[in-house]
Amino acid sequence: MTTTSISEATPAERPVRRARINLRRQLTGFAYTIPTLVFIVVFFLTPLVLVAKMSLSKYGLLTGDEGINFPRNYVSIWRNPLFWPSVWFTVQYTVLVTVMLLGLGLGLALLVQTVTRWSAFLRTVFLLPVSLGLAAASLLAYGFYSPAIGPISPPLEALGLIDNPIAFLGTSLAALLSTTFLVVWKFAGFYMLVLTVGLQGIPDDVHEAAALDGASSWQNFLHITLPLLRPSLSLATILCVTGSLLAFDQFFILTKGAPDNTTVTAVQVIYREAFQRQNLGTAAALSILVLIVLVLINILQFRFLRGTERD
């Protein structure tokens, strides 16, 4: 049985046929979303519900669910001696990494945005560290920073410039800066790519018109490039802040919280509660708290960045 088009149908049949076509299109679109919905339900919503339930219970790693004990898991978070130091350290790390990554990423984007014979080579070089996993990069950095096998201290000692090997991870400040250097080295190319796309979306006519009006290069950058680049900067800021607040691999491999638990992040506290103290209930409660904080921070960032964009 063949179906006639809407134009071939009688005036009385056209609304019905149009409704059927619209329904068919909606069902087709919904069918395409089913795999994504299944993925979200299985790998996000279901674990989230289980973690929320676990946070309300006394849940041991080996003993399992031992019954509801709300609100003990949430109250115990504030009594954890590592909680507030880990929050402060995570905030310090987030601010430092965000400023350095955005600044360097923007500088690299400005460097490679023009099409020259070296631009493709430079983009490739800057993007190469991105292809390396964070755990693998952290292991490489651990060897690089090692006083025994690292390539920095032995030549300097041989030249008499230093008496003892440099302790890149010996103090909390040195460990913070060394880990920040690793993260910036690895992810600067990614943020360069994000901001390069934003820069290439700015019409050349705008810059040319500003130059004809007598604007200097700095004025052009400050009053034209930055405002038009704000959407890309917003995306980069949100990604950077979220990733930094969830830092784990680099500190777990490089410092394990040393020295004296001064380089412990919030996610490391969750790990210790779950797998060292075997208290999954408290770890789940802390995970829910971190999730709520992340959602609130992202909402504030969206509102602030959208407000500045309107201005």
C-alpha atoms as a PDB file:
ATOM      1  CA  MET A   1       0.000   0.000   0.000  1.00  0.00           C
ATOM      2  CA  THR A   2       1.570   3.274  -1.069  1.00  0.00           C
ATOM      3  CA  THR A   3       1.278   6.488   0.925  1.00  0.00           C
ATOM      4  CA  THR A   4       0.442   9.667  -0.908  1.00  0.00           C
ATOM      5  CA  SER A   5       2.148  12.946  -0.037  1.00  0.00           C
ATOM      6  CA  ILE A   6       0.395  15.748   1.839  1.00  0.00           C
ATOM      7  CA  SER A   7      -0.069  17.746  -1.343  1.00  0.00           C
ATOM      8  CA  GLU A   8      -1.892  14.824  -2.995  1.00  0.00           C
ATOM      9  CA  ALA A   9      -4.253  14.341  -0.036  1.00  0.00           C
ATOM     10  CA  THR A  10      -7.641  15.972   0.235  1.00  0.00           C
ATOM     11  CA  PRO A  11      -7.957  19.062   2.465  1.00  0.00           C
ATOM     12  CA  ALA A  12      -9.713  16.984   5.130  1.00  0.00           C
ATOM     13  CA  GLU A  13      -6.925  14.346   5.147  1.00  0.00           C
ATOM     14  CA  ARG A  14      -3.982  16.765   5.267  1.00  0.00           C
ATOM     15  CA  PRO A  15      -3.998  17.515   9.037  1.00  0.00           C
ATOM     16  CA  VAL A  16      -4.174  13.791   9.859  1.00  0.00           C
ATOM     17  CA  ARG A  17      -1.405  12.931   7.414  1.00  0.00           C
ATOM     18  CA  ARG A  18       0.754  15.810   8.652  1.00  0.00           C
ATOM     19  CA  ALA A  19       0.289  14.619  12.247  1.00  0.00           C
ATOM     20  CA  ARG A  20       1.312  11.069  11.254  1.00  0.00           C
ATOM     21  CA  ILE A  21       4.446  12.331   9.537  1.00  0.00           C
ATOM     22  CA  ASN A  22       5.383  14.460  12.542  1.00  0.00           C
ATOM     23  CA  LEU A  23       4.801  11.523  14.873  1.00  0.00           C
ATOM     24  CA  ARG A  24       6.942   9.271  12.682  1.00  0.00           C
ATOM     25  CA  ARG A  25       9.756  11.830  12.730  1.00  0.00           C
ATOM     26  CA  GLN A  26       9.550  12.175  16.510  1.00  0.00           C
ATOM     27  CA  LEU A  27       9.658   8.406  16.988  1.00  0.00           C
ATOM     28  CA  THR A  28      12.619   8.170  14.632  1.00  0.00           C
ATOM     29  CA  GLY A  29      14.471  10.870  16.570  1.00  0.00           C
ATOM     30  CA  PHE A  30      13.658   9.153  19.863  1.00  0.00           C
ATOM     31  CA  ALA A  31      14.971   5.842  18.493  1.00  0.00           C
ATOM     32  CA  TYR A  32      18.316   7.501  17.763  1.00  0.00           C
ATOM     33  CA  THR A  33      18.544   8.696  21.372  1.00  0.00           C
ATOM     34  CA  ILE A  34      17.887   5.268  22.912  1.00  0.00           C
ATOM     35  CA  PRO A  35      21.568   4.148  22.950  1.00  0.00           C
ATOM     36  CA  THR A  36      22.562   7.372  24.700  1.00  0.00           C
ATOM     37  CA  LEU A  37      19.703   7.050  27.182  1.00  0.00           C
ATOM     38  CA  VAL A  38      20.702   3.461  27.965  1.00  0.00           C
ATOM     39  CA  PHE A  39      24.310   4.547  28.499  1.00  0.00           C
ATOM     40  CA  ILE A  40      23.269   7.392  30.835  1.00  0.00           C
ATOM     41  CA  VAL A  41      20.908   5.161  32.845  1.00  0.00           C
ATOM     42  CA  VAL A  42      23.378   2.276  33.190  1.00  0.00           C
ATOM     43  CA  PHE A  43      26.607   4.169  33.764  1.00  0.00           C
ATOM     44  CA  PHE A  44      25.429   7.389  35.462  1.00  0.00           C
ATOM     45  CA  LEU A  45      21.941   7.338  36.968  1.00  0.00           C
ATOM     46  CA  THR A  46      22.090   3.802  38.377  1.00  0.00           C
ATOM     47  CA  PRO A  47      25.502   4.272  40.076  1.00  0.00           C
ATOM     48  CA  LEU A  48      24.354   7.671  41.350  1.00  0.00           C
ATOM     49  CA  VAL A  49      21.282   6.142  42.986  1.00  0.00           C
ATOM     50  CA  LEU A  50      23.385   3.339  44.502  1.00  0.00           C
ATOM     51  CA  VAL A  51      25.935   5.824  45.864  1.00  0.00           C
ATOM     52  CA  ALA A  52      23.159   7.996  47.317  1.00  0.00           C
ATOM     53  CA  LYS A  53      21.636   4.927  49.014  1.00  0.00           C
ATOM     54  CA  MET A  54      25.064   3.843  50.237  1.00  0.00           C
ATOM     55  CA  SER A  55      25.685   7.276  51.756  1.00  0.00           C
ATOM     56  CA  LEU A  56      22.663   6.787  54.007  1.00  0.00           C
ATOM     57  CA  SER A  57      23.798   3.398  55.298  1.00  0.00           C
ATOM     58  CA  LYS A  58      26.556   1.840  57.328  1.00  0.00           C
ATOM     59  CA  TYR A  59      28.269   0.155  54.412  1.00  0.00           C
ATOM     60  CA  GLY A  60      31.551  -1.694  54.804  1.00  0.00           C
ATOM     61  CA  LEU A  61      33.803  -2.769  51.980  1.00  0.00           C
ATOM     62  CA  LEU A  62      33.724  -6.400  53.149  1.00  0.00           C
ATOM     63  CA  THR A  63      30.570  -6.489  55.284  1.00  0.00           C
ATOM     64  CA  GLY A  64      28.164  -4.794  52.869  1.00  0.00           C
ATOM     65  CA  ASP A  65      25.019  -2.937  53.875  1.00  0.00           C
ATOM     66  CA  GLU A  66      24.501  -3.008  57.648  1.00  0.00           C
ATOM     67  CA  GLY A  67      21.456  -0.755  57.799  1.00  0.00           C
ATOM     68  CA  ILE A  68      20.519   2.911  57.685  1.00  0.00           C
ATOM     69  CA  ASN A  69      22.608   5.219  59.878  1.00  0.00           C
ATOM     70  CA  PHE A  70      21.719   8.659  58.463  1.00  0.00           C
ATOM     71  CA  PRO A  71      23.096  11.261  59.165  1.00  0.00           C
ATOM     72  CA  ARG A  72      26.232   9.719  60.703  1.00  0.00           C
ATOM     73  CA  ASN A  73      28.132   9.400  57.421  1.00  0.00           C
ATOM     74  CA  TYR A  74      27.635  13.091  56.617  1.00  0.00           C
ATOM     75  CA  VAL A  75      28.440  14.220  60.171  1.00  0.00           C
ATOM     76  CA  SER A  76      31.655  12.187  60.191  1.00  0.00           C
ATOM     77  CA  ILE A  77      32.907  14.124  57.149  1.00  0.00           C
ATOM     78  CA  TRP A  78      33.348  17.301  59.191  1.00  0.00           C
ATOM     79  CA  ARG A  79      35.214  15.370  61.898  1.00  0.00           C
ATOM     80  CA  ASN A  80      37.684  13.871  59.429  1.00  0.00           C
ATOM     81  CA  PRO A  81      41.082  15.507  60.133  1.00  0.00           C
ATOM     82  CA  LEU A  82      42.008  15.326  56.435  1.00  0.00           C
ATOM     83  CA  PHE A  83      38.827  16.903  55.082  1.00  0.00           C
ATOM     84  CA  TRP A  84      39.439  20.639  55.513  1.00  0.00           C
ATOM     85  CA  PRO A  85      43.186  20.484  54.657  1.00  0.00           C
ATOM     86  CA  SER A  86      42.300  18.523  51.513  1.00  0.00           C
ATOM     87  CA  VAL A  87      39.656  21.087  50.548  1.00  0.00           C
ATOM     88  CA  TRP A  88      42.107  23.973  50.977  1.00  0.00           C
ATOM     89  CA  PHE A  89      44.834  22.160  49.033  1.00  0.00           C
ATOM     90  CA  THR A  90      42.409  21.270  46.232  1.00  0.00           C
ATOM     91  CA  VAL A  91      41.303  24.910  45.966  1.00  0.00           C
ATOM     92  CA  GLN A  92      44.926  26.076  45.799  1.00  0.00           C
ATOM     93  CA  TYR A  93      45.728  23.532  43.116  1.00  0.00           C
ATOM     94  CA  THR A  94      42.590  24.405  41.126  1.00  0.00           C
ATOM     95  CA  VAL A  95      43.315  28.145  41.103  1.00  0.00           C
ATOM     96  CA  LEU A  96      46.959  27.636  40.144  1.00  0.00           C
ATOM     97  CA  VAL A  97      46.257  25.131  37.380  1.00  0.00           C
ATOM     98  CA  THR A  98      43.323  27.094  35.948  1.00  0.00           C
ATOM     99  CA  VAL A  99      45.280  30.343  35.701  1.00  0.00           C
ATOM    100  CA  MET A 100      48.345  28.688  34.181  1.00  0.00           C
ATOM    101  CA  LEU A 101      46.460  26.457  31.754  1.00  0.00           C
ATOM    102  CA  LEU A 102      44.197  29.191  30.440  1.00  0.00           C
ATOM    103  CA  GLY A 103      47.055  31.670  30.156  1.00  0.00           C
ATOM    104  CA  LEU A 104      49.408  29.255  28.402  1.00  0.00           C
ATOM    105  CA  GLY A 105      46.624  27.765  26.283  1.00  0.00           C
ATOM    106  CA  LEU A 106      45.631  31.223  25.062  1.00  0.00           C
ATOM    107  CA  GLY A 107      49.248  32.133  24.368  1.00  0.00           C
ATOM    108  CA  LEU A 108      49.793  28.972  22.328  1.00  0.00           C
ATOM    109  CA  ALA A 109      46.504  29.522  20.474  1.00  0.00           C
ATOM    110  CA  LEU A 110      47.573  33.024  19.503  1.00  0.00           C
ATOM    111  CA  LEU A 111      50.934  31.630  18.392  1.00  0.00           C
ATOM    112  CA  VAL A 112      49.537  28.957  16.066  1.00  0.00           C
ATOM    113  CA  GLN A 113      46.331  30.619  14.821  1.00  0.00           C
ATOM    114  CA  THR A 114      48.021  32.166  11.777  1.00  0.00           C
ATOM    115  CA  VAL A 115      48.636  29.819   8.877  1.00  0.00           C
ATOM    116  CA  THR A 116      52.383  29.503   8.346  1.00  0.00           C
ATOM    117  CA  ARG A 117      54.644  26.653   7.353  1.00  0.00           C
ATOM    118  CA  TRP A 118      55.451  26.091  11.047  1.00  0.00           C
ATOM    119  CA  SER A 119      51.917  26.302  12.457  1.00  0.00           C
ATOM    120  CA  ALA A 120      50.972  22.675  11.677  1.00  0.00           C
ATOM    121  CA  PHE A 121      54.236  21.419  13.175  1.00  0.00           C
ATOM    122  CA  LEU A 122      53.789  23.504  16.335  1.00  0.00           C
ATOM    123  CA  ARG A 123      50.192  22.364  16.787  1.00  0.00           C
ATOM    124  CA  THR A 124      51.308  18.747  16.532  1.00  0.00           C
ATOM    125  CA  VAL A 125      54.115  19.256  19.043  1.00  0.00           C
ATOM    126  CA  PHE A 126      51.840  21.003  21.544  1.00  0.00           C
ATOM    127  CA  LEU A 127      49.142  18.346  21.170  1.00  0.00           C
ATOM    128  CA  LEU A 128      51.421  15.323  21.590  1.00  0.00           C
ATOM    129  CA  PRO A 129      51.326  15.292  25.425  1.00  0.00           C
ATOM    130  CA  VAL A 130      47.517  15.194  25.299  1.00  0.00           C
ATOM    131  CA  SER A 131      47.644  11.722  23.741  1.00  0.00           C
ATOM    132  CA  LEU A 132      49.492  10.377  26.778  1.00  0.00           C
ATOM    133  CA  GLY A 133      47.389   9.050  29.642  1.00  0.00           C
ATOM    134  CA  LEU A 134      47.545  11.008  32.889  1.00  0.00           C
ATOM    135  CA  ALA A 135      48.690   7.960  34.865  1.00  0.00           C
ATOM    136  CA  ALA A 136      51.456   7.237  32.356  1.00  0.00           C
ATOM    137  CA  ALA A 137      52.492  10.902  32.329  1.00  0.00           C
ATOM    138  CA  SER A 138      52.582  10.883  36.138  1.00  0.00           C
ATOM    139  CA  LEU A 139      54.838   7.815  36.150  1.00  0.00           C
ATOM    140  CA  LEU A 140      57.184   9.518  33.686  1.00  0.00           C
ATOM    141  CA  ALA A 141      57.203  12.639  35.861  1.00  0.00           C
ATOM    142  CA  TYR A 142      57.918  10.504  38.932  1.00  0.00           C
ATOM    143  CA  GLY A 143      61.068   9.206  37.263  1.00  0.00           C
ATOM    144  CA  PHE A 144      61.934  12.691  36.006  1.00  0.00           C
ATOM    145  CA  TYR A 145      61.642  14.157  39.513  1.00  0.00           C
ATOM    146  CA  SER A 146      63.447  11.243  41.205  1.00  0.00           C
ATOM    147  CA  PRO A 147      66.720  12.279  42.930  1.00  0.00           C
ATOM    148  CA  ALA A 148      68.194   8.868  42.073  1.00  0.00           C
ATOM    149  CA  ILE A 149      67.369   8.431  38.385  1.00  0.00           C
ATOM    150  CA  GLY A 150      66.142  11.894  37.364  1.00  0.00           C
ATOM    151  CA  PRO A 151      68.093  13.696  34.627  1.00  0.00           C
ATOM    152  CA  ILE A 152      68.313  17.088  36.371  1.00  0.00           C
ATOM    153  CA  SER A 153      70.218  16.679  39.634  1.00  0.00           C
ATOM    154  CA  PRO A 154      73.237  14.561  38.477  1.00  0.00           C
ATOM    155  CA  PRO A 155      74.493  17.078  35.838  1.00  0.00           C
ATOM    156  CA  LEU A 156      74.028  19.988  38.252  1.00  0.00           C
ATOM    157  CA  GLU A 157      75.912  18.100  40.973  1.00  0.00           C
ATOM    158  CA  ALA A 158      78.698  17.250  38.535  1.00  0.00           C
ATOM    159  CA  LEU A 159      79.041  20.931  37.660  1.00  0.00           C
ATOM    160  CA  GLY A 160      79.142  21.845  41.337  1.00  0.00           C
ATOM    161  CA  LEU A 161      76.020  23.994  41.125  1.00  0.00           C
ATOM    162  CA  ILE A 162      74.203  22.038  43.840  1.00  0.00           C
ATOM    163  CA  ASP A 163      75.433  19.917  46.741  1.00  0.00           C
ATOM    164  CA  ASN A 164      72.388  17.654  47.122  1.00  0.00           C
ATOM    165  CA  PRO A 165      69.769  16.360  44.674  1.00  0.00           C
ATOM    166  CA  ILE A 166      66.798  18.673  44.165  1.00  0.00           C
ATOM    167  CA  ALA A 167      63.769  17.471  46.140  1.00  0.00           C
ATOM    168  CA  PHE A 168      61.022  18.206  43.626  1.00  0.00           C
ATOM    169  CA  LEU A 169      58.499  16.426  45.832  1.00  0.00           C
ATOM    170  CA  GLY A 170      60.140  17.026  49.199  1.00  0.00           C
ATOM    171  CA  THR A 171      57.877  19.814  50.477  1.00  0.00           C
ATOM    172  CA  SER A 172      54.206  20.554  49.996  1.00  0.00           C
ATOM    173  CA  LEU A 173      54.944  23.685  47.931  1.00  0.00           C
ATOM    174  CA  ALA A 174      57.510  21.895  45.770  1.00  0.00           C
ATOM    175  CA  ALA A 175      55.128  18.977  45.239  1.00  0.00           C
ATOM    176  CA  LEU A 176      52.291  21.353  44.324  1.00  0.00           C
ATOM    177  CA  LEU A 177      54.415  23.239  41.805  1.00  0.00           C
ATOM    178  CA  SER A 178      55.940  20.058  40.351  1.00  0.00           C
ATOM    179  CA  THR A 179      52.529  18.447  39.901  1.00  0.00           C
ATOM    180  CA  THR A 180      51.129  21.651  38.424  1.00  0.00           C
ATOM    181  CA  PHE A 181      53.985  21.722  35.907  1.00  0.00           C
ATOM    182  CA  LEU A 182      53.142  18.148  34.883  1.00  0.00           C
ATOM    183  CA  VAL A 183      49.429  18.921  34.411  1.00  0.00           C
ATOM    184  CA  VAL A 184      50.108  22.136  32.497  1.00  0.00           C
ATOM    185  CA  TRP A 185      52.589  20.336  30.228  1.00  0.00           C
ATOM    186  CA  LYS A 186      50.063  17.599  29.501  1.00  0.00           C
ATOM    187  CA  PHE A 187      46.875  19.620  28.984  1.00  0.00           C
ATOM    188  CA  ALA A 188      48.089  22.936  27.569  1.00  0.00           C
ATOM    189  CA  GLY A 189      47.759  21.572  24.033  1.00  0.00           C
ATOM    190  CA  PHE A 190      44.129  20.614  24.617  1.00  0.00           C
ATOM    191  CA  TYR A 191      43.168  24.106  25.782  1.00  0.00           C
ATOM    192  CA  MET A 192      45.210  25.551  22.929  1.00  0.00           C
ATOM    193  CA  LEU A 193      42.989  23.556  20.561  1.00  0.00           C
ATOM    194  CA  VAL A 194      39.773  24.757  22.226  1.00  0.00           C
ATOM    195  CA  LEU A 195      40.834  28.390  22.116  1.00  0.00           C
ATOM    196  CA  THR A 196      42.254  28.120  18.589  1.00  0.00           C
ATOM    197  CA  VAL A 197      38.818  27.069  17.359  1.00  0.00           C
ATOM    198  CA  GLY A 198      37.362  30.120  19.082  1.00  0.00           C
ATOM    199  CA  LEU A 199      39.970  32.432  17.577  1.00  0.00           C
ATOM    200  CA  GLN A 200      39.356  31.097  14.083  1.00  0.00           C
ATOM    201  CA  GLY A 201      35.657  31.855  14.513  1.00  0.00           C
ATOM    202  CA  ILE A 202      36.352  35.571  14.905  1.00  0.00           C
ATOM    203  CA  PRO A 203      35.912  37.334  11.510  1.00  0.00           C
ATOM    204  CA  ASP A 204      39.039  39.006  10.124  1.00  0.00           C
ATOM    205  CA  ASP A 205      36.905  41.972   9.072  1.00  0.00           C
ATOM    206  CA  VAL A 206      36.448  42.980  12.710  1.00  0.00           C
ATOM    207  CA  HIS A 207      40.191  43.157  13.330  1.00  0.00           C
ATOM    208  CA  GLU A 208      40.772  44.997  10.057  1.00  0.00           C
ATOM    209  CA  ALA A 209      38.088  47.564  10.884  1.00  0.00           C
ATOM    210  CA  ALA A 210      39.620  48.139  14.325  1.00  0.00           C
ATOM    211  CA  ALA A 211      43.078  48.576  12.774  1.00  0.00           C
ATOM    212  CA  LEU A 212      41.701  51.134  10.324  1.00  0.00           C
ATOM    213  CA  ASP A 213      40.195  53.039  13.260  1.00  0.00           C
ATOM    214  CA  GLY A 214      43.665  53.288  14.794  1.00  0.00           C
ATOM    215  CA  ALA A 215      43.436  50.532  17.408  1.00  0.00           C
ATOM    216  CA  SER A 216      46.766  49.113  18.543  1.00  0.00           C
ATOM    217  CA  SER A 217      47.460  45.378  18.722  1.00  0.00           C
ATOM    218  CA  TRP A 218      46.874  45.405  22.484  1.00  0.00           C
ATOM    219  CA  GLN A 219      43.606  47.331  22.152  1.00  0.00           C
ATOM    220  CA  ASN A 220      42.520  44.949  19.394  1.00  0.00           C
ATOM    221  CA  PHE A 221      43.216  41.971  21.650  1.00  0.00           C
ATOM    222  CA  LEU A 222      41.651  43.478  24.760  1.00  0.00           C
ATOM    223  CA  HIS A 223      38.474  44.956  23.274  1.00  0.00           C
ATOM    224  CA  ILE A 224      37.787  42.617  20.338  1.00  0.00           C
ATOM    225  CA  THR A 225      39.551  39.271  20.669  1.00  0.00           C
ATOM    226  CA  LEU A 226      38.800  38.601  24.338  1.00  0.00           C
ATOM    227  CA  PRO A 227      35.084  39.561  24.236  1.00  0.00           C
ATOM    228  CA  LEU A 228      34.471  37.487  21.095  1.00  0.00           C
ATOM    229  CA  LEU A 229      36.496  34.603  22.549  1.00  0.00           C
ATOM    230  CA  ARG A 230      34.417  34.525  25.738  1.00  0.00           C
ATOM    231  CA  PRO A 231      32.332  31.415  24.830  1.00  0.00           C
ATOM    232  CA  SER A 232      35.481  29.358  24.233  1.00  0.00           C
ATOM    233  CA  LEU A 233      37.083  30.763  27.385  1.00  0.00           C
ATOM    234  CA  SER A 234      33.942  29.850  29.331  1.00  0.00           C
ATOM    235  CA  LEU A 235      34.073  26.265  28.117  1.00  0.00           C
ATOM    236  CA  ALA A 236      37.792  26.002  28.863  1.00  0.00           C
ATOM    237  CA  THR A 237      37.318  27.460  32.349  1.00  0.00           C
ATOM    238  CA  ILE A 238      34.524  25.046  33.253  1.00  0.00           C
ATOM    239  CA  LEU A 239      36.493  22.036  32.003  1.00  0.00           C
ATOM    240  CA  CYS A 240      39.646  23.141  33.786  1.00  0.00           C
ATOM    241  CA  VAL A 241      37.984  23.892  37.125  1.00  0.00           C
ATOM    242  CA  THR A 242      35.990  20.656  37.116  1.00  0.00           C
ATOM    243  CA  GLY A 243      39.002  18.529  36.207  1.00  0.00           C
ATOM    244  CA  SER A 244      41.210  20.203  38.827  1.00  0.00           C
ATOM    245  CA  LEU A 245      38.677  19.772  41.628  1.00  0.00           C
ATOM    246  CA  LEU A 246      38.584  16.043  40.814  1.00  0.00           C
ATOM    247  CA  ALA A 247      42.383  15.658  40.770  1.00  0.00           C
ATOM    248  CA  PHE A 248      43.532  12.210  41.894  1.00  0.00           C
ATOM    249  CA  ASP A 249      45.889  10.273  39.592  1.00  0.00           C
ATOM    250  CA  GLN A 250      48.776  12.723  39.570  1.00  0.00           C
ATOM    251  CA  PHE A 251      48.924  13.185  43.337  1.00  0.00           C
ATOM    252  CA  PHE A 252      48.278   9.510  44.073  1.00  0.00           C
ATOM    253  CA  ILE A 253      51.245   8.512  41.909  1.00  0.00           C
ATOM    254  CA  LEU A 254      53.640  11.376  42.661  1.00  0.00           C
ATOM    255  CA  THR A 255      53.125  12.118  46.355  1.00  0.00           C
ATOM    256  CA  LYS A 256      50.513   9.787  47.896  1.00  0.00           C
ATOM    257  CA  GLY A 257      49.731  12.709  50.199  1.00  0.00           C
ATOM    258  CA  ALA A 258      53.332  13.261  51.340  1.00  0.00           C
ATOM    259  CA  PRO A 259      54.828  15.068  53.065  1.00  0.00           C
ATOM    260  CA  ASP A 260      52.663  14.658  56.173  1.00  0.00           C
ATOM    261  CA  ASN A 261      49.356  14.505  54.269  1.00  0.00           C
ATOM    262  CA  THR A 262      49.808  18.070  52.974  1.00  0.00           C
ATOM    263  CA  THR A 263      49.155  17.119  49.345  1.00  0.00           C
ATOM    264  CA  VAL A 264      45.930  15.186  49.825  1.00  0.00           C
ATOM    265  CA  THR A 265      43.061  16.142  47.516  1.00  0.00           C
ATOM    266  CA  ALA A 266      39.347  15.723  48.186  1.00  0.00           C
ATOM    267  CA  VAL A 267      39.125  12.695  45.894  1.00  0.00           C
ATOM    268  CA  GLN A 268      42.053  11.092  47.722  1.00  0.00           C
ATOM    269  CA  VAL A 269      40.094  11.401  50.967  1.00  0.00           C
ATOM    270  CA  ILE A 270      37.256   9.490  49.292  1.00  0.00           C
ATOM    271  CA  TYR A 271      39.709   6.813  48.178  1.00  0.00           C
ATOM    272  CA  ARG A 272      41.173   6.467  51.679  1.00  0.00           C
ATOM    273  CA  GLU A 273      37.762   6.191  53.290  1.00  0.00           C
ATOM    274  CA  ALA A 274      36.644   3.547  50.806  1.00  0.00           C
ATOM    275  CA  PHE A 275      39.693   1.333  50.336  1.00  0.00           C
ATOM    276  CA  GLN A 276      41.944   1.955  53.324  1.00  0.00           C
ATOM    277  CA  ARG A 277      39.436   2.460  56.111  1.00  0.00           C
ATOM    278  CA  GLN A 278      36.917   0.238  54.243  1.00  0.00           C
ATOM    279  CA  ASN A 279      34.069   2.602  55.030  1.00  0.00           C
ATOM    280  CA  LEU A 280      32.092   2.896  51.811  1.00  0.00           C
ATOM    281  CA  GLY A 281      29.229   4.726  53.502  1.00  0.00           C
ATOM    282  CA  THR A 282      31.362   7.718  54.486  1.00  0.00           C
ATOM    283  CA  ALA A 283      33.134   7.630  51.113  1.00  0.00           C
ATOM    284  CA  ALA A 284      29.764   7.695  49.361  1.00  0.00           C
ATOM    285  CA  ALA A 285      28.579  10.614  51.501  1.00  0.00           C
ATOM    286  CA  LEU A 286      31.734  12.541  50.646  1.00  0.00           C
ATOM    287  CA  SER A 287      31.213  11.724  46.960  1.00  0.00           C
ATOM    288  CA  ILE A 288      27.688  13.131  47.085  1.00  0.00           C
ATOM    289  CA  LEU A 289      29.011  16.259  48.787  1.00  0.00           C
ATOM    290  CA  VAL A 290      31.698  16.717  46.110  1.00  0.00           C
ATOM    291  CA  LEU A 291      29.065  16.235  43.392  1.00  0.00           C
ATOM    292  CA  ILE A 292      26.817  18.897  44.929  1.00  0.00           C
ATOM    293  CA  VAL A 293      29.732  21.338  45.192  1.00  0.00           C
ATOM    294  CA  LEU A 294      30.701  20.698  41.558  1.00  0.00           C
ATOM    295  CA  VAL A 295      27.129  21.296  40.378  1.00  0.00           C
ATOM    296  CA  LEU A 296      26.886  24.545  42.355  1.00  0.00           C
ATOM    297  CA  ILE A 297      30.256  25.772  41.063  1.00  0.00           C
ATOM    298  CA  ASN A 298      29.290  24.998  37.471  1.00  0.00           C
ATOM    299  CA  ILE A 299      25.958  26.804  37.897  1.00  0.00           C
ATOM    300  CA  LEU A 300      27.745  29.856  39.294  1.00  0.00           C
ATOM    301  CA  GLN A 301      30.270  29.760  36.458  1.00  0.00           C
ATOM    302  CA  PHE A 302      27.515  29.542  33.837  1.00  0.00           C
ATOM    303  CA  ARG A 303      25.622  32.474  35.346  1.00  0.00           C
ATOM    304  CA  PHE A 304      28.716  34.622  35.777  1.00  0.00           C
ATOM    305  CA  LEU A 305      30.121  33.919  32.326  1.00  0.00           C
ATOM    306  CA  ARG A 306      26.754  34.407  30.626  1.00  0.00           C
ATOM    307  CA  GLY A 307      26.250  37.635  32.534  1.00  0.00           C
ATOM    308  CA  THR A 308      29.617  38.997  31.441  1.00  0.00           C
ATOM    309  CA  GLU A 309      28.881  37.879  27.902  1.00  0.00           C
ATOM    310  CA  ARG A 310      25.627  39.902  27.881  1.00  0.00           C
ATOM    311  CA  ASP A 311      27.475  42.918  29.260  1.00  0.00           C
END
